[in-house]
Amino acid sequence: MITIFNRRELIVTMDMKRQSDIRNVLADNHIDYVVKTTNLQSASARSHTGRFGINQDYSYEYKIFVHKNDYGKAEALIR
């Protein structure tokens, strides 16, 4: 089980395909992971300006965490 006390940040990306590929590699190698997704556009900013002119490919940030004991193996697998 991964908790805030025993995890380590593996990667931060804004690329949905990259985070998906990394998650597949980790799952295929039986490495537990946690993904934290952050919407970088606040709700209030969207309500005033809408989505016009905003590249949706870069509106989310994905942080992938693994257990600190699995970090070395996970890092080698995604490189």
PDB file of N, CA and C in Angstrom:
ATOM      1  N   MET A   1       0.840  -1.175   0.000  1.00  0.00           N
ATOM      2  CA  MET A   1       0.000   0.000   0.000  1.00  0.00           C
ATOM      3  C   MET A   1       0.892   1.249   0.000  1.00  0.00           C
ATOM      4  N   ILE A   2       0.535   2.177  -0.843  1.00  0.00           N
ATOM      5  CA  ILE A   2       1.310   3.411  -0.953  1.00  0.00           C
ATOM      6  C   ILE A   2       0.616   4.491  -0.119  1.00  0.00           C
ATOM      7  N   THR A   3       1.384   5.096   0.773  1.00  0.00           N
ATOM      8  CA  THR A   3       0.875   6.192   1.590  1.00  0.00           C
ATOM      9  C   THR A   3       1.750   7.415   1.356  1.00  0.00           C
ATOM     10  N   ILE A   4       1.358   8.521   1.934  1.00  0.00           N
ATOM     11  CA  ILE A   4       2.137   9.746   1.794  1.00  0.00           C
ATOM     12  C   ILE A   4       3.509   9.603   2.460  1.00  0.00           C
ATOM     13  N   PHE A   5       3.628   8.677   3.401  1.00  0.00           N
ATOM     14  CA  PHE A   5       4.872   8.514   4.143  1.00  0.00           C
ATOM     15  C   PHE A   5       5.871   7.582   3.463  1.00  0.00           C
ATOM     16  N   ASN A   6       5.405   6.702   2.573  1.00  0.00           N
ATOM     17  CA  ASN A   6       6.325   5.742   1.955  1.00  0.00           C
ATOM     18  C   ASN A   6       6.398   5.860   0.440  1.00  0.00           C
ATOM     19  N   ARG A   7       5.919   6.962  -0.110  1.00  0.00           N
ATOM     20  CA  ARG A   7       5.928   7.119  -1.562  1.00  0.00           C
ATOM     21  C   ARG A   7       7.030   8.076  -1.993  1.00  0.00           C
ATOM     22  N   ARG A   8       7.334   7.984  -3.282  1.00  0.00           N
ATOM     23  CA  ARG A   8       8.308   8.892  -3.877  1.00  0.00           C
ATOM     24  C   ARG A   8       7.780   9.292  -5.255  1.00  0.00           C
ATOM     25  N   GLU A   9       7.944  10.555  -5.586  1.00  0.00           N
ATOM     26  CA  GLU A   9       7.459  11.062  -6.869  1.00  0.00           C
ATOM     27  C   GLU A   9       8.336  10.536  -7.988  1.00  0.00           C
ATOM     28  N   LEU A  10       7.729   9.819  -8.910  1.00  0.00           N
ATOM     29  CA  LEU A  10       8.458   9.245 -10.042  1.00  0.00           C
ATOM     30  C   LEU A  10       8.583  10.248 -11.174  1.00  0.00           C
ATOM     31  N   ILE A  11       7.484  10.899 -11.520  1.00  0.00           N
ATOM     32  CA  ILE A  11       7.500  11.813 -12.657  1.00  0.00           C
ATOM     33  C   ILE A  11       6.332  12.790 -12.557  1.00  0.00           C
ATOM     34  N   VAL A  12       6.529  13.958 -13.131  1.00  0.00           N
ATOM     35  CA  VAL A  12       5.464  14.951 -13.300  1.00  0.00           C
ATOM     36  C   VAL A  12       5.410  15.255 -14.787  1.00  0.00           C
ATOM     37  N   THR A  13       4.230  15.156 -15.367  1.00  0.00           N
ATOM     38  CA  THR A  13       4.074  15.413 -16.796  1.00  0.00           C
ATOM     39  C   THR A  13       2.730  16.071 -17.056  1.00  0.00           C
ATOM     40  N   MET A  14       2.651  16.744 -18.168  1.00  0.00           N
ATOM     41  CA  MET A  14       1.392  17.327 -18.611  1.00  0.00           C
ATOM     42  C   MET A  14       0.868  16.612 -19.849  1.00  0.00           C
ATOM     43  N   ASP A  15       1.552  15.566 -20.240  1.00  0.00           N
ATOM     44  CA  ASP A  15       1.225  14.794 -21.439  1.00  0.00           C
ATOM     45  C   ASP A  15       0.395  13.572 -21.056  1.00  0.00           C
ATOM     46  N   MET A  16      -0.870  13.567 -21.472  1.00  0.00           N
ATOM     47  CA  MET A  16      -1.768  12.469 -21.110  1.00  0.00           C
ATOM     48  C   MET A  16      -1.272  11.122 -21.649  1.00  0.00           C
ATOM     49  N   LYS A  17      -0.773  11.108 -22.873  1.00  0.00           N
ATOM     50  CA  LYS A  17      -0.293   9.855 -23.444  1.00  0.00           C
ATOM     51  C   LYS A  17       0.926   9.345 -22.685  1.00  0.00           C
ATOM     52  N   ARG A  18       1.834  10.222 -22.324  1.00  0.00           N
ATOM     53  CA  ARG A  18       3.038   9.814 -21.571  1.00  0.00           C
ATOM     54  C   ARG A  18       2.661   9.209 -20.222  1.00  0.00           C
ATOM     55  N   GLN A  19       1.747   9.849 -19.506  1.00  0.00           N
ATOM     56  CA  GLN A  19       1.366   9.300 -18.209  1.00  0.00           C
ATOM     57  C   GLN A  19       0.665   7.961 -18.375  1.00  0.00           C
ATOM     58  N   SER A  20      -0.099   7.820 -19.444  1.00  0.00           N
ATOM     59  CA  SER A  20      -0.759   6.549 -19.714  1.00  0.00           C
ATOM     60  C   SER A  20       0.259   5.449 -20.032  1.00  0.00           C
ATOM     61  N   ASP A  21       1.256   5.785 -20.849  1.00  0.00           N
ATOM     62  CA  ASP A  21       2.307   4.818 -21.187  1.00  0.00           C
ATOM     63  C   ASP A  21       3.084   4.393 -19.943  1.00  0.00           C
ATOM     64  N   ILE A  22       3.394   5.346 -19.074  1.00  0.00           N
ATOM     65  CA  ILE A  22       4.132   5.030 -17.847  1.00  0.00           C
ATOM     66  C   ILE A  22       3.290   4.152 -16.936  1.00  0.00           C
ATOM     67  N   ARG A  23       2.031   4.455 -16.819  1.00  0.00           N
ATOM     68  CA  ARG A  23       1.145   3.631 -15.987  1.00  0.00           C
ATOM     69  C   ARG A  23       1.069   2.209 -16.528  1.00  0.00           C
ATOM     70  N   ASN A  24       1.033   2.056 -17.844  1.00  0.00           N
ATOM     71  CA  ASN A  24       1.006   0.711 -18.432  1.00  0.00           C
ATOM     72  C   ASN A  24       2.287  -0.057 -18.132  1.00  0.00           C
ATOM     73  N   VAL A  25       3.433   0.609 -18.239  1.00  0.00           N
ATOM     74  CA  VAL A  25       4.715  -0.036 -17.946  1.00  0.00           C
ATOM     75  C   VAL A  25       4.765  -0.476 -16.484  1.00  0.00           C
ATOM     76  N   LEU A  26       4.330   0.390 -15.590  1.00  0.00           N
ATOM     77  CA  LEU A  26       4.337   0.055 -14.166  1.00  0.00           C
ATOM     78  C   LEU A  26       3.398  -1.120 -13.875  1.00  0.00           C
ATOM     79  N   ALA A  27       2.214  -1.085 -14.445  1.00  0.00           N
ATOM     80  CA  ALA A  27       1.246  -2.172 -14.228  1.00  0.00           C
ATOM     81  C   ALA A  27       1.763  -3.488 -14.792  1.00  0.00           C
ATOM     82  N   ASP A  28       2.374  -3.438 -15.988  1.00  0.00           N
ATOM     83  CA  ASP A  28       2.911  -4.656 -16.605  1.00  0.00           C
ATOM     84  C   ASP A  28       4.023  -5.280 -15.764  1.00  0.00           C
ATOM     85  N   ASN A  29       4.713  -4.462 -14.972  1.00  0.00           N
ATOM     86  CA  ASN A  29       5.809  -4.945 -14.134  1.00  0.00           C
ATOM     87  C   ASN A  29       5.407  -5.055 -12.662  1.00  0.00           C
ATOM     88  N   HIS A  30       4.112  -5.027 -12.392  1.00  0.00           N
ATOM     89  CA  HIS A  30       3.550  -5.245 -11.052  1.00  0.00           C
ATOM     90  C   HIS A  30       4.097  -4.263 -10.021  1.00  0.00           C
ATOM     91  N   ILE A  31       4.220  -2.997 -10.422  1.00  0.00           N
ATOM     92  CA  ILE A  31       4.649  -1.940  -9.512  1.00  0.00           C
ATOM     93  C   ILE A  31       3.434  -1.087  -9.189  1.00  0.00           C
ATOM     94  N   ASP A  32       3.089  -1.014  -7.907  1.00  0.00           N
ATOM     95  CA  ASP A  32       1.960  -0.193  -7.481  1.00  0.00           C
ATOM     96  C   ASP A  32       2.302   1.284  -7.659  1.00  0.00           C
ATOM     97  N   TYR A  33       1.299   2.068  -7.994  1.00  0.00           N
ATOM     98  CA  TYR A  33       1.505   3.498  -8.209  1.00  0.00           C
ATOM     99  C   TYR A  33       0.245   4.262  -7.826  1.00  0.00           C
ATOM    100  N   VAL A  34       0.411   5.553  -7.632  1.00  0.00           N
ATOM    101  CA  VAL A  34      -0.700   6.464  -7.371  1.00  0.00           C
ATOM    102  C   VAL A  34      -0.518   7.645  -8.319  1.00  0.00           C
ATOM    103  N   VAL A  35      -1.601   8.081  -8.932  1.00  0.00           N
ATOM    104  CA  VAL A  35      -1.559   9.240  -9.817  1.00  0.00           C
ATOM    105  C   VAL A  35      -2.361  10.367  -9.183  1.00  0.00           C
ATOM    106  N   LYS A  36      -1.753  11.529  -9.089  1.00  0.00           N
ATOM    107  CA  LYS A  36      -2.452  12.727  -8.624  1.00  0.00           C
ATOM    108  C   LYS A  36      -2.614  13.639  -9.833  1.00  0.00           C
ATOM    109  N   THR A  37      -3.851  13.945 -10.169  1.00  0.00           N
ATOM    110  CA  THR A  37      -4.163  14.789 -11.319  1.00  0.00           C
ATOM    111  C   THR A  37      -4.633  16.148 -10.832  1.00  0.00           C
ATOM    112  N   THR A  38      -4.046  17.194 -11.400  1.00  0.00           N
ATOM    113  CA  THR A  38      -4.407  18.551 -11.020  1.00  0.00           C
ATOM    114  C   THR A  38      -4.841  19.323 -12.252  1.00  0.00           C
ATOM    115  N   ASN A  39      -6.021  19.937 -12.168  1.00  0.00           N
ATOM    116  CA  ASN A  39      -6.497  20.809 -13.235  1.00  0.00           C
ATOM    117  C   ASN A  39      -5.847  22.165 -13.008  1.00  0.00           C
ATOM    118  N   LEU A  40      -5.037  22.618 -13.945  1.00  0.00           N
ATOM    119  CA  LEU A  40      -4.291  23.853 -13.787  1.00  0.00           C
ATOM    120  C   LEU A  40      -5.102  25.105 -14.094  1.00  0.00           C
ATOM    121  N   GLN A  41      -6.295  24.923 -14.578  1.00  0.00           N
ATOM    122  CA  GLN A  41      -7.175  26.060 -14.854  1.00  0.00           C
ATOM    123  C   GLN A  41      -8.209  26.118 -13.741  1.00  0.00           C
ATOM    124  N   SER A  42      -8.164  27.154 -12.958  1.00  0.00           N
ATOM    125  CA  SER A  42      -9.132  27.268 -11.864  1.00  0.00           C
ATOM    126  C   SER A  42     -10.530  27.456 -12.427  1.00  0.00           C
ATOM    127  N   ALA A  43     -11.511  27.041 -11.677  1.00  0.00           N
ATOM    128  CA  ALA A  43     -12.904  27.161 -12.125  1.00  0.00           C
ATOM    129  C   ALA A  43     -13.292  28.619 -12.324  1.00  0.00           C
ATOM    130  N   SER A  44     -12.805  29.509 -11.481  1.00  0.00           N
ATOM    131  CA  SER A  44     -13.174  30.917 -11.623  1.00  0.00           C
ATOM    132  C   SER A  44     -12.572  31.523 -12.887  1.00  0.00           C
ATOM    133  N   ALA A  45     -11.351  31.114 -13.251  1.00  0.00           N
ATOM    134  CA  ALA A  45     -10.733  31.638 -14.470  1.00  0.00           C
ATOM    135  C   ALA A  45     -11.501  31.171 -15.697  1.00  0.00           C
ATOM    136  N   ARG A  46     -11.972  29.922 -15.692  1.00  0.00           N
ATOM    137  CA  ARG A  46     -12.741  29.399 -16.824  1.00  0.00           C
ATOM    138  C   ARG A  46     -14.066  30.128 -16.961  1.00  0.00           C
ATOM    139  N   SER A  47     -14.671  30.474 -15.832  1.00  0.00           N
ATOM    140  CA  SER A  47     -15.990  31.109 -15.903  1.00  0.00           C
ATOM    141  C   SER A  47     -15.905  32.515 -16.501  1.00  0.00           C
ATOM    142  N   HIS A  48     -14.768  33.186 -16.337  1.00  0.00           N
ATOM    143  CA  HIS A  48     -14.626  34.548 -16.871  1.00  0.00           C
ATOM    144  C   HIS A  48     -14.132  34.569 -18.311  1.00  0.00           C
ATOM    145  N   THR A  49     -13.255  33.642 -18.668  1.00  0.00           N
ATOM    146  CA  THR A  49     -12.654  33.696 -20.001  1.00  0.00           C
ATOM    147  C   THR A  49     -13.104  32.561 -20.910  1.00  0.00           C
ATOM    148  N   GLY A  50     -13.699  31.533 -20.370  1.00  0.00           N
ATOM    149  CA  GLY A  50     -14.062  30.383 -21.169  1.00  0.00           C
ATOM    150  C   GLY A  50     -12.826  29.573 -21.512  1.00  0.00           C
ATOM    151  N   ARG A  51     -12.913  28.785 -22.547  1.00  0.00           N
ATOM    152  CA  ARG A  51     -11.783  27.946 -22.931  1.00  0.00           C
ATOM    153  C   ARG A  51     -11.160  28.386 -24.250  1.00  0.00           C
ATOM    154  N   PHE A  52     -11.594  29.493 -24.773  1.00  0.00           N
ATOM    155  CA  PHE A  52     -11.089  29.969 -26.042  1.00  0.00           C
ATOM    156  C   PHE A  52      -9.592  30.269 -25.956  1.00  0.00           C
ATOM    157  N   GLY A  53      -8.832  29.726 -26.879  1.00  0.00           N
ATOM    158  CA  GLY A  53      -7.402  30.000 -26.943  1.00  0.00           C
ATOM    159  C   GLY A  53      -6.560  29.204 -25.972  1.00  0.00           C
ATOM    160  N   ILE A  54      -7.159  28.280 -25.226  1.00  0.00           N
ATOM    161  CA  ILE A  54      -6.416  27.486 -24.242  1.00  0.00           C
ATOM    162  C   ILE A  54      -6.134  26.115 -24.831  1.00  0.00           C
ATOM    163  N   ASN A  55      -4.874  25.729 -24.830  1.00  0.00           N
ATOM    164  CA  ASN A  55      -4.494  24.417 -25.320  1.00  0.00           C
ATOM    165  C   ASN A  55      -4.852  23.381 -24.263  1.00  0.00           C
ATOM    166  N   GLN A  56      -5.851  22.564 -24.546  1.00  0.00           N
ATOM    167  CA  GLN A  56      -6.334  21.581 -23.581  1.00  0.00           C
ATOM    168  C   GLN A  56      -5.316  20.474 -23.295  1.00  0.00           C
ATOM    169  N   ASP A  57      -4.314  20.330 -24.174  1.00  0.00           N
ATOM    170  CA  ASP A  57      -3.281  19.316 -23.940  1.00  0.00           C
ATOM    171  C   ASP A  57      -2.441  19.645 -22.714  1.00  0.00           C
ATOM    172  N   TYR A  58      -2.445  20.888 -22.293  1.00  0.00           N
ATOM    173  CA  TYR A  58      -1.610  21.312 -21.169  1.00  0.00           C
ATOM    174  C   TYR A  58      -2.425  21.874 -20.008  1.00  0.00           C
ATOM    175  N   SER A  59      -3.648  21.424 -19.860  1.00  0.00           N
ATOM    176  CA  SER A  59      -4.484  21.943 -18.788  1.00  0.00           C
ATOM    177  C   SER A  59      -4.475  21.044 -17.551  1.00  0.00           C
ATOM    178  N   TYR A  60      -3.858  19.865 -17.647  1.00  0.00           N
ATOM    179  CA  TYR A  60      -3.775  18.957 -16.509  1.00  0.00           C
ATOM    180  C   TYR A  60      -2.327  18.584 -16.235  1.00  0.00           C
ATOM    181  N   GLU A  61      -2.029  18.441 -14.955  1.00  0.00           N
ATOM    182  CA  GLU A  61      -0.709  17.995 -14.518  1.00  0.00           C
ATOM    183  C   GLU A  61      -0.887  16.632 -13.853  1.00  0.00           C
ATOM    184  N   TYR A  62      -0.050  15.683 -14.239  1.00  0.00           N
ATOM    185  CA  TYR A  62      -0.116  14.330 -13.697  1.00  0.00           C
ATOM    186  C   TYR A  62       1.156  14.048 -12.902  1.00  0.00           C
ATOM    187  N   LYS A  63       0.997  13.715 -11.629  1.00  0.00           N
ATOM    188  CA  LYS A  63       2.121  13.310 -10.789  1.00  0.00           C
ATOM    189  C   LYS A  63       1.944  11.836 -10.488  1.00  0.00           C
ATOM    190  N   ILE A  64       2.977  11.056 -10.792  1.00  0.00           N
ATOM    191  CA  ILE A  64       2.922   9.621 -10.543  1.00  0.00           C
ATOM    192  C   ILE A  64       3.877   9.306  -9.399  1.00  0.00           C
ATOM    193  N   PHE A  65       3.342   8.629  -8.387  1.00  0.00           N
ATOM    194  CA  PHE A  65       4.110   8.241  -7.214  1.00  0.00           C
ATOM    195  C   PHE A  65       4.201   6.729  -7.151  1.00  0.00           C
ATOM    196  N   VAL A  66       5.347   6.221  -6.694  1.00  0.00           N
ATOM    197  CA  VAL A  66       5.536   4.794  -6.452  1.00  0.00           C
ATOM    198  C   VAL A  66       6.052   4.618  -5.028  1.00  0.00           C
ATOM    199  N   HIS A  67       6.015   3.384  -4.549  1.00  0.00           N
ATOM    200  CA  HIS A  67       6.580   3.096  -3.235  1.00  0.00           C
ATOM    201  C   HIS A  67       8.075   3.372  -3.296  1.00  0.00           C
ATOM    202  N   LYS A  68       8.619   3.948  -2.236  1.00  0.00           N
ATOM    203  CA  LYS A  68      10.035   4.340  -2.263  1.00  0.00           C
ATOM    204  C   LYS A  68      10.958   3.144  -2.496  1.00  0.00           C
ATOM    205  N   ASN A  69      10.541   1.939  -2.116  1.00  0.00           N
ATOM    206  CA  ASN A  69      11.365   0.748  -2.363  1.00  0.00           C
ATOM    207  C   ASN A  69      11.353   0.328  -3.831  1.00  0.00           C
ATOM    208  N   ASP A  70      10.338   0.748  -4.574  1.00  0.00           N
ATOM    209  CA  ASP A  70      10.215   0.410  -6.001  1.00  0.00           C
ATOM    210  C   ASP A  70      10.741   1.513  -6.913  1.00  0.00           C
ATOM    211  N   TYR A  71      11.189   2.618  -6.344  1.00  0.00           N
ATOM    212  CA  TYR A  71      11.545   3.779  -7.133  1.00  0.00           C
ATOM    213  C   TYR A  71      12.659   3.487  -8.153  1.00  0.00           C
ATOM    214  N   GLY A  72      13.731   2.831  -7.733  1.00  0.00           N
ATOM    215  CA  GLY A  72      14.857   2.546  -8.635  1.00  0.00           C
ATOM    216  C   GLY A  72      14.439   1.712  -9.834  1.00  0.00           C
ATOM    217  N   LYS A  73      13.669   0.670  -9.574  1.00  0.00           N
ATOM    218  CA  LYS A  73      13.204  -0.199 -10.658  1.00  0.00           C
ATOM    219  C   LYS A  73      12.261   0.566 -11.587  1.00  0.00           C
ATOM    220  N   ALA A  74      11.340   1.339 -11.001  1.00  0.00           N
ATOM    221  CA  ALA A  74      10.378   2.096 -11.811  1.00  0.00           C
ATOM    222  C   ALA A  74      11.082   3.130 -12.674  1.00  0.00           C
ATOM    223  N   GLU A  75      12.061   3.804 -12.102  1.00  0.00           N
ATOM    224  CA  GLU A  75      12.799   4.811 -12.856  1.00  0.00           C
ATOM    225  C   GLU A  75      13.543   4.185 -14.038  1.00  0.00           C
ATOM    226  N   ALA A  76      14.145   3.035 -13.810  1.00  0.00           N
ATOM    227  CA  ALA A  76      14.858   2.338 -14.894  1.00  0.00           C
ATOM    228  C   ALA A  76      13.887   1.905 -15.996  1.00  0.00           C
ATOM    229  N   LEU A  77      12.698   1.497 -15.628  1.00  0.00           N
ATOM    230  CA  LEU A  77      11.720   1.023 -16.613  1.00  0.00           C
ATOM    231  C   LEU A  77      11.187   2.134 -17.507  1.00  0.00           C
ATOM    232  N   ILE A  78      11.075   3.343 -16.980  1.00  0.00           N
ATOM    233  CA  ILE A  78      10.480   4.406 -17.792  1.00  0.00           C
ATOM    234  C   ILE A  78      11.523   5.190 -18.585  1.00  0.00           C
ATOM    235  N   ARG A  79      12.776   4.945 -18.358  1.00  0.00           N
ATOM    236  CA  ARG A  79      13.831   5.652 -19.097  1.00  0.00           C
ATOM    237  C   ARG A  79      14.091   5.001 -20.416  1.00  0.00           C
TER     238      ARG A  79
END
